[in-house]
Amino acid sequence: MKTLVRFSLIVPFVVPVVLAFPAVAAEPSAEIGQLIKLFEGRWLVREKHEPSEWSPRGAVGVGTAEFVPGPGSASLIQKYRSTVGDFPFEGHGVTWWNSKARHFEGIWCENTDPDGCGDSGAVVWKDDRLVTEYAGETNGKRTKERRTISDITPNSFTVVIELAVGDAPLRPAITVAYERQGTSRNAGD
C-alpha cells in the first residue's frame, strides 16, 4: 500500500510536465546508435583485480552484464553483476551522446560507492578505443583514473581500469574481459 501512496503523490507532479511537451520523440544520435549496435546483448564477464591495498594478493571475479537501449534508443543502459571472491558486486550505468560537447557522458551506480552513483566522465573515441580519464579523491587523497575499452569485436571486448593515487603513474588495477553470450553476431550485422 505504501508504494501506491507514493506513486499517487508523484503522478500529479509528473503528468502536467509531460503533457506540456509536444508528443514528438527525439531522433537518437548516430553516435549512440553505434554503441548500441556494438554492445547490446548479454555478456559473460571475467575480472582480474591486480594486487592493491584492498586486495594484497589480487582477486578474480566472474559475472554477467547486459546492455539494452534506453528510452527512444537515445542512451545505452548496462546492468552488471559479478562475484569477486565472496563479494557480490552490482553496477548499473547509463551512457548517452552529448552533441554539444561531442563526447559520450554517463552515470555509474554501484554497491561500493558511498554516494550510490557518480559521473562516468567524458568518453571519447581514440582510434578504435573508447577512453575516459578523470580525477577525483578517495580517503582524502587525489586520484586519477583512466578507463579504456579496446579489442572490440562483435563477440568480445576488454575494459582496462587504470588508477593512480597522488602523483604516482597510472597502473592497471582491473581488467574485465567481456564475451558475448547466446547468438554470435557477425561484423556485417
N, C-alpha and C. Protein backbone atom coordinates (compact mmCIF):
# COMPACT_ATOMS: atom_id res chain seq x y z
N MET A 1 0.82 -1.20 0.00
CA MET A 1 0.00 0.00 0.00
C MET A 1 0.86 1.26 0.00
N LYS A 2 1.99 1.23 0.65
CA LYS A 2 2.86 2.39 0.70
C LYS A 2 3.34 2.76 -0.70
N THR A 3 3.62 1.78 -1.53
CA THR A 3 4.08 2.05 -2.89
C THR A 3 3.01 2.78 -3.68
N LEU A 4 1.75 2.37 -3.55
CA LEU A 4 0.66 3.04 -4.26
C LEU A 4 0.52 4.48 -3.80
N VAL A 5 0.65 4.72 -2.51
CA VAL A 5 0.52 6.07 -1.98
C VAL A 5 1.64 6.94 -2.54
N ARG A 6 2.88 6.45 -2.52
CA ARG A 6 4.00 7.22 -3.04
C ARG A 6 3.79 7.52 -4.51
N PHE A 7 3.38 6.52 -5.27
CA PHE A 7 3.17 6.70 -6.70
C PHE A 7 2.08 7.75 -6.94
N SER A 8 1.01 7.68 -6.18
CA SER A 8 -0.08 8.62 -6.39
C SER A 8 0.33 10.05 -6.02
N LEU A 9 1.27 10.21 -5.11
CA LEU A 9 1.75 11.54 -4.77
C LEU A 9 2.64 12.12 -5.87
N ILE A 10 3.36 11.27 -6.56
CA ILE A 10 4.27 11.71 -7.61
C ILE A 10 3.54 12.02 -8.91
N VAL A 11 2.55 11.23 -9.25
CA VAL A 11 1.87 11.38 -10.54
C VAL A 11 1.34 12.79 -10.79
N PRO A 12 0.69 13.47 -9.85
CA PRO A 12 0.19 14.81 -10.14
C PRO A 12 1.30 15.79 -10.55
N PHE A 13 2.51 15.58 -10.08
CA PHE A 13 3.61 16.48 -10.42
C PHE A 13 4.21 16.13 -11.77
N VAL A 14 4.24 14.87 -12.13
CA VAL A 14 4.86 14.42 -13.38
C VAL A 14 3.95 14.62 -14.57
N VAL A 15 2.68 14.25 -14.45
CA VAL A 15 1.77 14.28 -15.60
C VAL A 15 1.65 15.67 -16.22
N PRO A 16 1.43 16.76 -15.46
CA PRO A 16 1.33 18.07 -16.11
C PRO A 16 2.59 18.45 -16.88
N VAL A 17 3.75 18.10 -16.37
CA VAL A 17 5.00 18.42 -17.06
C VAL A 17 5.08 17.65 -18.37
N VAL A 18 4.76 16.37 -18.36
CA VAL A 18 4.80 15.54 -19.56
C VAL A 18 3.80 16.06 -20.59
N LEU A 19 2.62 16.46 -20.16
CA LEU A 19 1.60 16.93 -21.10
C LEU A 19 1.96 18.28 -21.72
N ALA A 20 2.85 19.04 -21.10
CA ALA A 20 3.24 20.35 -21.61
C ALA A 20 4.20 20.25 -22.79
N PHE A 21 4.82 19.10 -23.00
CA PHE A 21 5.78 18.93 -24.09
C PHE A 21 5.10 18.30 -25.31
N PRO A 22 5.58 18.63 -26.52
CA PRO A 22 4.99 18.02 -27.71
C PRO A 22 5.25 16.51 -27.72
N ALA A 23 4.36 15.76 -28.34
CA ALA A 23 4.46 14.30 -28.38
C ALA A 23 5.31 13.84 -29.56
N VAL A 24 6.51 14.40 -29.70
CA VAL A 24 7.43 14.03 -30.77
C VAL A 24 8.71 13.51 -30.13
N ALA A 25 9.06 12.29 -30.45
CA ALA A 25 10.28 11.71 -29.88
C ALA A 25 11.50 12.25 -30.62
N ALA A 26 12.56 12.47 -29.87
CA ALA A 26 13.83 12.91 -30.46
C ALA A 26 14.46 11.74 -31.22
N GLU A 27 15.15 12.05 -32.28
CA GLU A 27 15.88 11.03 -33.02
C GLU A 27 17.16 10.70 -32.28
N PRO A 28 17.46 9.42 -32.07
CA PRO A 28 18.72 9.09 -31.42
C PRO A 28 19.90 9.46 -32.32
N SER A 29 21.00 9.80 -31.71
CA SER A 29 22.18 10.19 -32.48
C SER A 29 22.81 8.96 -33.13
N ALA A 30 23.53 9.20 -34.22
CA ALA A 30 24.28 8.12 -34.88
C ALA A 30 25.33 7.57 -33.93
N GLU A 31 25.90 8.43 -33.09
CA GLU A 31 26.95 8.01 -32.16
C GLU A 31 26.43 6.99 -31.15
N ILE A 32 25.26 7.26 -30.55
CA ILE A 32 24.72 6.30 -29.58
C ILE A 32 24.22 5.06 -30.31
N GLY A 33 23.73 5.24 -31.53
CA GLY A 33 23.32 4.08 -32.33
C GLY A 33 24.48 3.13 -32.57
N GLN A 34 25.68 3.69 -32.78
CA GLN A 34 26.86 2.86 -32.98
C GLN A 34 27.18 2.06 -31.71
N LEU A 35 27.09 2.70 -30.54
CA LEU A 35 27.35 1.99 -29.28
C LEU A 35 26.33 0.88 -29.05
N ILE A 36 25.06 1.18 -29.32
CA ILE A 36 24.02 0.16 -29.15
C ILE A 36 24.32 -1.04 -30.04
N LYS A 37 24.68 -0.77 -31.30
CA LYS A 37 24.98 -1.86 -32.23
C LYS A 37 26.17 -2.69 -31.74
N LEU A 38 27.19 -2.05 -31.18
CA LEU A 38 28.38 -2.77 -30.71
C LEU A 38 28.11 -3.59 -29.44
N PHE A 39 27.35 -3.04 -28.49
CA PHE A 39 27.31 -3.63 -27.17
C PHE A 39 25.98 -4.26 -26.75
N GLU A 40 24.88 -3.99 -27.43
CA GLU A 40 23.59 -4.52 -27.00
C GLU A 40 23.65 -6.05 -26.88
N GLY A 41 23.13 -6.56 -25.77
CA GLY A 41 23.07 -8.00 -25.58
C GLY A 41 23.57 -8.42 -24.21
N ARG A 42 23.69 -9.74 -24.05
CA ARG A 42 24.12 -10.34 -22.78
C ARG A 42 25.57 -10.78 -22.91
N TRP A 43 26.36 -10.57 -21.85
CA TRP A 43 27.78 -10.84 -21.87
C TRP A 43 28.20 -11.58 -20.60
N LEU A 44 29.17 -12.49 -20.74
CA LEU A 44 29.86 -13.09 -19.61
C LEU A 44 31.05 -12.18 -19.32
N VAL A 45 31.31 -11.89 -18.05
CA VAL A 45 32.45 -11.05 -17.70
C VAL A 45 33.40 -11.82 -16.80
N ARG A 46 34.68 -11.61 -17.07
CA ARG A 46 35.75 -12.19 -16.24
C ARG A 46 36.65 -11.05 -15.80
N GLU A 47 36.80 -10.88 -14.49
CA GLU A 47 37.57 -9.77 -13.93
C GLU A 47 38.90 -10.27 -13.37
N LYS A 48 39.93 -9.45 -13.56
CA LYS A 48 41.22 -9.69 -12.91
C LYS A 48 41.58 -8.41 -12.16
N HIS A 49 41.65 -8.51 -10.85
CA HIS A 49 41.99 -7.38 -9.99
C HIS A 49 43.46 -7.52 -9.59
N GLU A 50 44.25 -6.52 -9.88
CA GLU A 50 45.67 -6.53 -9.53
C GLU A 50 45.82 -6.37 -8.02
N PRO A 51 46.95 -6.82 -7.47
CA PRO A 51 47.18 -6.61 -6.03
C PRO A 51 47.07 -5.12 -5.68
N SER A 52 46.45 -4.84 -4.54
CA SER A 52 46.26 -3.46 -4.10
C SER A 52 46.12 -3.46 -2.58
N GLU A 53 45.96 -2.26 -2.01
CA GLU A 53 45.77 -2.19 -0.56
C GLU A 53 44.47 -2.86 -0.13
N TRP A 54 43.48 -2.94 -1.04
CA TRP A 54 42.19 -3.57 -0.73
C TRP A 54 42.26 -5.08 -0.92
N SER A 55 43.15 -5.53 -1.80
CA SER A 55 43.29 -6.95 -2.09
C SER A 55 44.78 -7.25 -2.33
N PRO A 56 45.55 -7.44 -1.26
CA PRO A 56 47.01 -7.59 -1.41
C PRO A 56 47.45 -8.70 -2.35
N ARG A 57 46.66 -9.73 -2.51
CA ARG A 57 47.02 -10.83 -3.42
C ARG A 57 46.33 -10.72 -4.77
N GLY A 58 45.54 -9.68 -4.97
CA GLY A 58 44.76 -9.58 -6.19
C GLY A 58 43.51 -10.44 -6.04
N ALA A 59 42.69 -10.45 -7.06
CA ALA A 59 41.45 -11.23 -7.00
C ALA A 59 40.93 -11.45 -8.41
N VAL A 60 40.02 -12.39 -8.53
CA VAL A 60 39.33 -12.61 -9.80
C VAL A 60 37.84 -12.58 -9.53
N GLY A 61 37.11 -12.26 -10.55
CA GLY A 61 35.67 -12.23 -10.45
C GLY A 61 35.05 -12.76 -11.72
N VAL A 62 33.81 -13.20 -11.62
CA VAL A 62 33.08 -13.65 -12.79
C VAL A 62 31.63 -13.22 -12.63
N GLY A 63 30.99 -12.90 -13.76
CA GLY A 63 29.61 -12.45 -13.68
C GLY A 63 29.01 -12.24 -15.04
N THR A 64 28.00 -11.39 -15.08
CA THR A 64 27.29 -11.11 -16.32
C THR A 64 27.04 -9.61 -16.46
N ALA A 65 26.86 -9.22 -17.69
CA ALA A 65 26.48 -7.83 -17.99
C ALA A 65 25.43 -7.90 -19.08
N GLU A 66 24.53 -6.95 -19.05
CA GLU A 66 23.53 -6.85 -20.12
C GLU A 66 23.42 -5.39 -20.53
N PHE A 67 23.49 -5.15 -21.82
CA PHE A 67 23.32 -3.81 -22.38
C PHE A 67 22.00 -3.77 -23.13
N VAL A 68 21.19 -2.75 -22.86
CA VAL A 68 19.93 -2.54 -23.57
C VAL A 68 19.82 -1.07 -23.94
N PRO A 69 19.13 -0.78 -25.05
CA PRO A 69 18.91 0.62 -25.39
C PRO A 69 18.02 1.28 -24.34
N GLY A 70 18.30 2.54 -24.04
CA GLY A 70 17.46 3.30 -23.13
C GLY A 70 16.23 3.82 -23.88
N PRO A 71 15.42 4.63 -23.23
CA PRO A 71 14.21 5.17 -23.84
C PRO A 71 14.50 5.85 -25.19
N GLY A 72 13.76 5.45 -26.21
CA GLY A 72 13.92 6.03 -27.54
C GLY A 72 15.26 5.72 -28.18
N SER A 73 15.98 4.75 -27.64
CA SER A 73 17.33 4.40 -28.13
C SER A 73 18.28 5.60 -28.11
N ALA A 74 18.04 6.53 -27.17
CA ALA A 74 18.89 7.72 -27.05
C ALA A 74 19.99 7.52 -26.01
N SER A 75 20.03 6.35 -25.40
CA SER A 75 21.07 6.04 -24.41
C SER A 75 21.29 4.54 -24.41
N LEU A 76 22.35 4.12 -23.71
CA LEU A 76 22.67 2.71 -23.57
C LEU A 76 22.76 2.42 -22.08
N ILE A 77 22.03 1.41 -21.63
CA ILE A 77 21.98 1.05 -20.22
C ILE A 77 22.71 -0.27 -20.01
N GLN A 78 23.57 -0.32 -18.99
CA GLN A 78 24.26 -1.55 -18.64
C GLN A 78 23.88 -1.97 -17.22
N LYS A 79 23.55 -3.24 -17.09
CA LYS A 79 23.32 -3.84 -15.78
C LYS A 79 24.43 -4.87 -15.59
N TYR A 80 25.18 -4.77 -14.51
CA TYR A 80 26.39 -5.57 -14.31
C TYR A 80 26.34 -6.24 -12.95
N ARG A 81 26.65 -7.54 -12.92
CA ARG A 81 26.72 -8.29 -11.66
C ARG A 81 27.89 -9.24 -11.72
N SER A 82 28.66 -9.28 -10.65
CA SER A 82 29.76 -10.24 -10.58
C SER A 82 29.99 -10.62 -9.13
N THR A 83 30.78 -11.65 -8.96
CA THR A 83 31.21 -12.06 -7.64
C THR A 83 32.73 -12.05 -7.64
N VAL A 84 33.31 -11.29 -6.73
CA VAL A 84 34.76 -11.18 -6.60
C VAL A 84 35.09 -11.82 -5.25
N GLY A 85 35.68 -13.01 -5.30
CA GLY A 85 35.85 -13.77 -4.06
C GLY A 85 34.47 -14.08 -3.52
N ASP A 86 34.18 -13.65 -2.29
CA ASP A 86 32.86 -13.84 -1.70
C ASP A 86 31.99 -12.60 -1.81
N PHE A 87 32.50 -11.57 -2.46
CA PHE A 87 31.79 -10.29 -2.50
C PHE A 87 30.90 -10.17 -3.74
N PRO A 88 29.59 -9.96 -3.57
CA PRO A 88 28.70 -9.75 -4.72
C PRO A 88 28.73 -8.27 -5.15
N PHE A 89 29.21 -8.02 -6.36
CA PHE A 89 29.29 -6.66 -6.89
C PHE A 89 28.11 -6.42 -7.83
N GLU A 90 27.50 -5.23 -7.74
CA GLU A 90 26.42 -4.85 -8.64
C GLU A 90 26.66 -3.44 -9.14
N GLY A 91 26.46 -3.23 -10.43
CA GLY A 91 26.58 -1.91 -11.02
C GLY A 91 25.51 -1.68 -12.07
N HIS A 92 25.22 -0.42 -12.31
CA HIS A 92 24.21 -0.03 -13.29
C HIS A 92 24.67 1.29 -13.90
N GLY A 93 24.77 1.33 -15.22
CA GLY A 93 25.23 2.54 -15.87
C GLY A 93 24.34 2.97 -17.01
N VAL A 94 24.34 4.26 -17.27
CA VAL A 94 23.63 4.83 -18.41
C VAL A 94 24.62 5.72 -19.15
N THR A 95 24.72 5.53 -20.46
CA THR A 95 25.61 6.32 -21.30
C THR A 95 24.80 6.98 -22.40
N TRP A 96 25.12 8.22 -22.73
CA TRP A 96 24.43 8.95 -23.80
C TRP A 96 25.44 9.80 -24.54
N TRP A 97 25.04 10.30 -25.70
CA TRP A 97 25.87 11.18 -26.52
C TRP A 97 25.52 12.62 -26.21
N ASN A 98 26.51 13.44 -25.83
CA ASN A 98 26.31 14.86 -25.61
C ASN A 98 26.71 15.56 -26.91
N SER A 99 25.74 15.95 -27.70
CA SER A 99 26.01 16.51 -29.03
C SER A 99 26.73 17.86 -28.97
N LYS A 100 26.50 18.63 -27.92
CA LYS A 100 27.18 19.93 -27.81
C LYS A 100 28.65 19.75 -27.45
N ALA A 101 28.94 18.85 -26.51
CA ALA A 101 30.33 18.62 -26.08
C ALA A 101 31.07 17.67 -27.02
N ARG A 102 30.33 16.94 -27.86
CA ARG A 102 30.91 15.99 -28.82
C ARG A 102 31.64 14.83 -28.13
N HIS A 103 31.04 14.31 -27.05
CA HIS A 103 31.57 13.12 -26.40
C HIS A 103 30.42 12.40 -25.70
N PHE A 104 30.69 11.14 -25.31
CA PHE A 104 29.72 10.39 -24.53
C PHE A 104 29.85 10.81 -23.07
N GLU A 105 28.74 10.75 -22.36
CA GLU A 105 28.71 11.00 -20.93
C GLU A 105 27.93 9.88 -20.28
N GLY A 106 28.07 9.79 -18.98
CA GLY A 106 27.33 8.74 -18.31
C GLY A 106 27.30 8.89 -16.82
N ILE A 107 26.54 8.00 -16.23
CA ILE A 107 26.45 7.88 -14.79
C ILE A 107 26.60 6.41 -14.47
N TRP A 108 27.32 6.11 -13.39
CA TRP A 108 27.54 4.73 -12.98
C TRP A 108 27.16 4.62 -11.51
N CYS A 109 26.30 3.66 -11.19
CA CYS A 109 25.87 3.41 -9.82
C CYS A 109 26.35 2.02 -9.43
N GLU A 110 26.83 1.87 -8.20
CA GLU A 110 27.29 0.55 -7.76
C GLU A 110 27.18 0.42 -6.25
N ASN A 111 27.21 -0.82 -5.80
CA ASN A 111 27.05 -1.08 -4.39
C ASN A 111 28.32 -0.82 -3.57
N THR A 112 29.40 -0.34 -4.19
CA THR A 112 30.59 0.04 -3.42
C THR A 112 30.78 1.55 -3.34
N ASP A 113 29.92 2.32 -4.00
CA ASP A 113 30.02 3.78 -3.99
C ASP A 113 29.25 4.32 -2.80
N PRO A 114 29.91 5.02 -1.87
CA PRO A 114 29.19 5.53 -0.70
C PRO A 114 28.06 6.50 -1.06
N ASP A 115 28.17 7.17 -2.22
CA ASP A 115 27.13 8.09 -2.66
C ASP A 115 26.11 7.39 -3.55
N GLY A 116 26.34 6.13 -3.88
CA GLY A 116 25.42 5.38 -4.73
C GLY A 116 25.78 5.45 -6.20
N CYS A 117 26.00 6.67 -6.72
CA CYS A 117 26.29 6.87 -8.13
C CYS A 117 27.34 7.96 -8.30
N GLY A 118 27.94 7.96 -9.49
CA GLY A 118 28.91 9.00 -9.80
C GLY A 118 28.99 9.23 -11.30
N ASP A 119 29.55 10.35 -11.66
CA ASP A 119 29.76 10.72 -13.05
C ASP A 119 30.76 9.75 -13.68
N SER A 120 30.46 9.25 -14.88
CA SER A 120 31.37 8.32 -15.56
C SER A 120 32.45 9.04 -16.35
N GLY A 121 32.42 10.37 -16.40
CA GLY A 121 33.43 11.11 -17.14
C GLY A 121 33.09 11.23 -18.62
N ALA A 122 33.85 12.04 -19.33
CA ALA A 122 33.68 12.23 -20.78
C ALA A 122 34.38 11.07 -21.49
N VAL A 123 33.65 10.37 -22.33
CA VAL A 123 34.19 9.21 -23.05
C VAL A 123 34.33 9.57 -24.52
N VAL A 124 35.53 9.36 -25.06
CA VAL A 124 35.80 9.72 -26.46
C VAL A 124 36.43 8.53 -27.19
N TRP A 125 36.22 8.51 -28.51
CA TRP A 125 36.91 7.53 -29.35
C TRP A 125 38.33 8.01 -29.57
N LYS A 126 39.30 7.17 -29.35
CA LYS A 126 40.71 7.40 -29.69
C LYS A 126 41.09 6.21 -30.56
N ASP A 127 41.19 6.46 -31.86
CA ASP A 127 41.38 5.39 -32.82
C ASP A 127 40.22 4.39 -32.66
N ASP A 128 40.50 3.15 -32.34
CA ASP A 128 39.44 2.15 -32.21
C ASP A 128 39.15 1.80 -30.75
N ARG A 129 39.47 2.71 -29.85
CA ARG A 129 39.26 2.51 -28.41
C ARG A 129 38.36 3.61 -27.86
N LEU A 130 37.57 3.28 -26.85
CA LEU A 130 36.80 4.27 -26.09
C LEU A 130 37.57 4.55 -24.81
N VAL A 131 37.86 5.83 -24.54
CA VAL A 131 38.71 6.20 -23.41
C VAL A 131 38.06 7.32 -22.60
N THR A 132 38.17 7.20 -21.29
CA THR A 132 37.77 8.28 -20.40
C THR A 132 38.84 8.44 -19.33
N GLU A 133 39.13 9.68 -18.99
CA GLU A 133 40.10 9.98 -17.94
C GLU A 133 39.47 11.02 -17.01
N TYR A 134 39.66 10.83 -15.72
CA TYR A 134 39.18 11.83 -14.79
C TYR A 134 39.91 11.75 -13.47
N ALA A 135 39.78 12.82 -12.69
CA ALA A 135 40.43 12.92 -11.39
C ALA A 135 39.36 12.93 -10.31
N GLY A 136 39.76 12.51 -9.14
CA GLY A 136 38.83 12.51 -8.03
C GLY A 136 39.57 12.50 -6.72
N GLU A 137 38.92 11.99 -5.69
CA GLU A 137 39.53 11.90 -4.37
C GLU A 137 38.98 10.67 -3.68
N THR A 138 39.88 9.93 -3.02
CA THR A 138 39.49 8.76 -2.24
C THR A 138 40.24 8.82 -0.91
N ASN A 139 39.49 8.73 0.17
CA ASN A 139 40.09 8.77 1.51
C ASN A 139 41.00 9.99 1.69
N GLY A 140 40.61 11.13 1.15
CA GLY A 140 41.37 12.37 1.29
C GLY A 140 42.59 12.48 0.39
N LYS A 141 42.78 11.53 -0.53
CA LYS A 141 43.94 11.57 -1.43
C LYS A 141 43.46 11.79 -2.86
N ARG A 142 44.25 12.63 -3.62
CA ARG A 142 43.94 12.84 -5.04
C ARG A 142 44.09 11.52 -5.79
N THR A 143 43.17 11.27 -6.70
CA THR A 143 43.26 10.06 -7.52
C THR A 143 43.06 10.41 -8.98
N LYS A 144 43.59 9.59 -9.85
CA LYS A 144 43.36 9.69 -11.29
C LYS A 144 42.89 8.32 -11.76
N GLU A 145 42.05 8.31 -12.78
CA GLU A 145 41.56 7.06 -13.35
C GLU A 145 41.47 7.19 -14.86
N ARG A 146 41.83 6.13 -15.53
CA ARG A 146 41.60 6.03 -16.98
C ARG A 146 40.93 4.69 -17.23
N ARG A 147 39.86 4.73 -17.99
CA ARG A 147 39.13 3.52 -18.38
C ARG A 147 39.22 3.41 -19.90
N THR A 148 39.71 2.28 -20.38
CA THR A 148 39.87 2.08 -21.82
C THR A 148 39.12 0.83 -22.25
N ILE A 149 38.25 0.98 -23.23
CA ILE A 149 37.54 -0.16 -23.83
C ILE A 149 38.23 -0.41 -25.16
N SER A 150 38.79 -1.61 -25.32
CA SER A 150 39.57 -1.91 -26.52
C SER A 150 39.30 -3.33 -27.01
N ASP A 151 39.99 -3.70 -28.08
CA ASP A 151 39.85 -5.04 -28.67
C ASP A 151 38.38 -5.36 -28.93
N ILE A 152 37.65 -4.38 -29.46
CA ILE A 152 36.21 -4.53 -29.67
C ILE A 152 35.96 -5.35 -30.92
N THR A 153 35.29 -6.48 -30.74
CA THR A 153 34.84 -7.31 -31.87
C THR A 153 33.34 -7.54 -31.68
N PRO A 154 32.66 -8.17 -32.63
CA PRO A 154 31.23 -8.43 -32.43
C PRO A 154 30.94 -9.32 -31.21
N ASN A 155 31.91 -10.11 -30.77
CA ASN A 155 31.65 -11.06 -29.69
C ASN A 155 32.51 -10.89 -28.45
N SER A 156 33.34 -9.84 -28.40
CA SER A 156 34.16 -9.63 -27.21
C SER A 156 34.73 -8.21 -27.18
N PHE A 157 35.12 -7.79 -26.00
CA PHE A 157 35.88 -6.56 -25.82
C PHE A 157 36.50 -6.59 -24.44
N THR A 158 37.44 -5.68 -24.20
CA THR A 158 38.16 -5.64 -22.93
C THR A 158 38.08 -4.24 -22.35
N VAL A 159 37.89 -4.17 -21.04
CA VAL A 159 37.91 -2.91 -20.31
C VAL A 159 39.10 -2.96 -19.35
N VAL A 160 39.98 -1.97 -19.44
CA VAL A 160 41.10 -1.85 -18.50
C VAL A 160 40.90 -0.57 -17.71
N ILE A 161 40.89 -0.71 -16.40
CA ILE A 161 40.76 0.43 -15.49
C ILE A 161 42.13 0.64 -14.86
N GLU A 162 42.69 1.83 -15.09
CA GLU A 162 43.98 2.19 -14.50
C GLU A 162 43.74 3.24 -13.42
N LEU A 163 44.48 3.12 -12.32
CA LEU A 163 44.32 4.04 -11.20
C LEU A 163 45.67 4.59 -10.76
N ALA A 164 45.64 5.78 -10.16
CA ALA A 164 46.83 6.36 -9.56
C ALA A 164 46.40 7.19 -8.36
N VAL A 165 47.22 7.19 -7.33
CA VAL A 165 46.97 7.99 -6.14
C VAL A 165 48.08 9.02 -6.05
N GLY A 166 47.71 10.28 -5.82
CA GLY A 166 48.69 11.36 -5.73
C GLY A 166 49.39 11.56 -7.07
N ASP A 167 50.71 11.65 -7.03
CA ASP A 167 51.49 11.88 -8.26
C ASP A 167 51.99 10.57 -8.89
N ALA A 168 51.57 9.45 -8.38
CA ALA A 168 52.00 8.16 -8.92
C ALA A 168 51.50 8.00 -10.35
N PRO A 169 52.20 7.22 -11.17
CA PRO A 169 51.73 6.98 -12.54
C PRO A 169 50.52 6.05 -12.54
N LEU A 170 49.70 6.17 -13.59
CA LEU A 170 48.57 5.26 -13.75
C LEU A 170 49.08 3.84 -13.91
N ARG A 171 48.41 2.91 -13.22
CA ARG A 171 48.75 1.48 -13.32
C ARG A 171 47.46 0.68 -13.46
N PRO A 172 47.51 -0.41 -14.25
CA PRO A 172 46.30 -1.24 -14.37
C PRO A 172 45.86 -1.74 -12.99
N ALA A 173 44.58 -1.61 -12.71
CA ALA A 173 44.01 -2.06 -11.44
C ALA A 173 43.03 -3.21 -11.67
N ILE A 174 42.20 -3.07 -12.71
CA ILE A 174 41.20 -4.10 -13.01
C ILE A 174 41.12 -4.26 -14.52
N THR A 175 41.11 -5.51 -14.96
CA THR A 175 40.90 -5.82 -16.38
C THR A 175 39.65 -6.70 -16.45
N VAL A 176 38.70 -6.30 -17.29
CA VAL A 176 37.46 -7.06 -17.43
C VAL A 176 37.34 -7.50 -18.89
N ALA A 177 37.25 -8.81 -19.09
CA ALA A 177 37.04 -9.38 -20.43
C ALA A 177 35.56 -9.70 -20.59
N TYR A 178 34.94 -9.14 -21.62
CA TYR A 178 33.53 -9.39 -21.93
C TYR A 178 33.46 -10.38 -23.09
N GLU A 179 32.61 -11.39 -22.97
CA GLU A 179 32.39 -12.36 -24.04
C GLU A 179 30.88 -12.48 -24.27
N ARG A 180 30.46 -12.25 -25.51
CA ARG A 180 29.03 -12.26 -25.83
C ARG A 180 28.43 -13.63 -25.56
N GLN A 181 27.24 -13.64 -24.97
CA GLN A 181 26.51 -14.87 -24.70
C GLN A 181 25.39 -15.05 -25.71
N GLY A 182 24.98 -16.28 -25.94
CA GLY A 182 23.87 -16.55 -26.85
C GLY A 182 24.33 -16.51 -28.29
N THR A 183 23.51 -15.94 -29.15
CA THR A 183 23.77 -15.94 -30.58
C THR A 183 24.98 -15.11 -30.92
N SER A 184 25.85 -15.67 -31.74
CA SER A 184 27.01 -14.91 -32.21
C SER A 184 26.55 -13.87 -33.20
N ARG A 185 27.25 -12.76 -33.22
CA ARG A 185 26.97 -11.71 -34.19
C ARG A 185 28.10 -11.66 -35.19
N ASN A 186 27.76 -11.42 -36.41
CA ASN A 186 28.78 -11.23 -37.45
C ASN A 186 29.02 -9.74 -37.61
N ALA A 187 30.24 -9.38 -38.01
CA ALA A 187 30.60 -7.97 -38.16
C ALA A 187 29.67 -7.26 -39.13
N GLY A 188 29.07 -7.96 -40.06
CA GLY A 188 28.20 -7.33 -41.05
C GLY A 188 26.77 -7.14 -40.59
N ASP A 189 26.41 -7.62 -39.40
CA ASP A 189 25.03 -7.47 -38.93
C ASP A 189 24.69 -6.05 -38.65
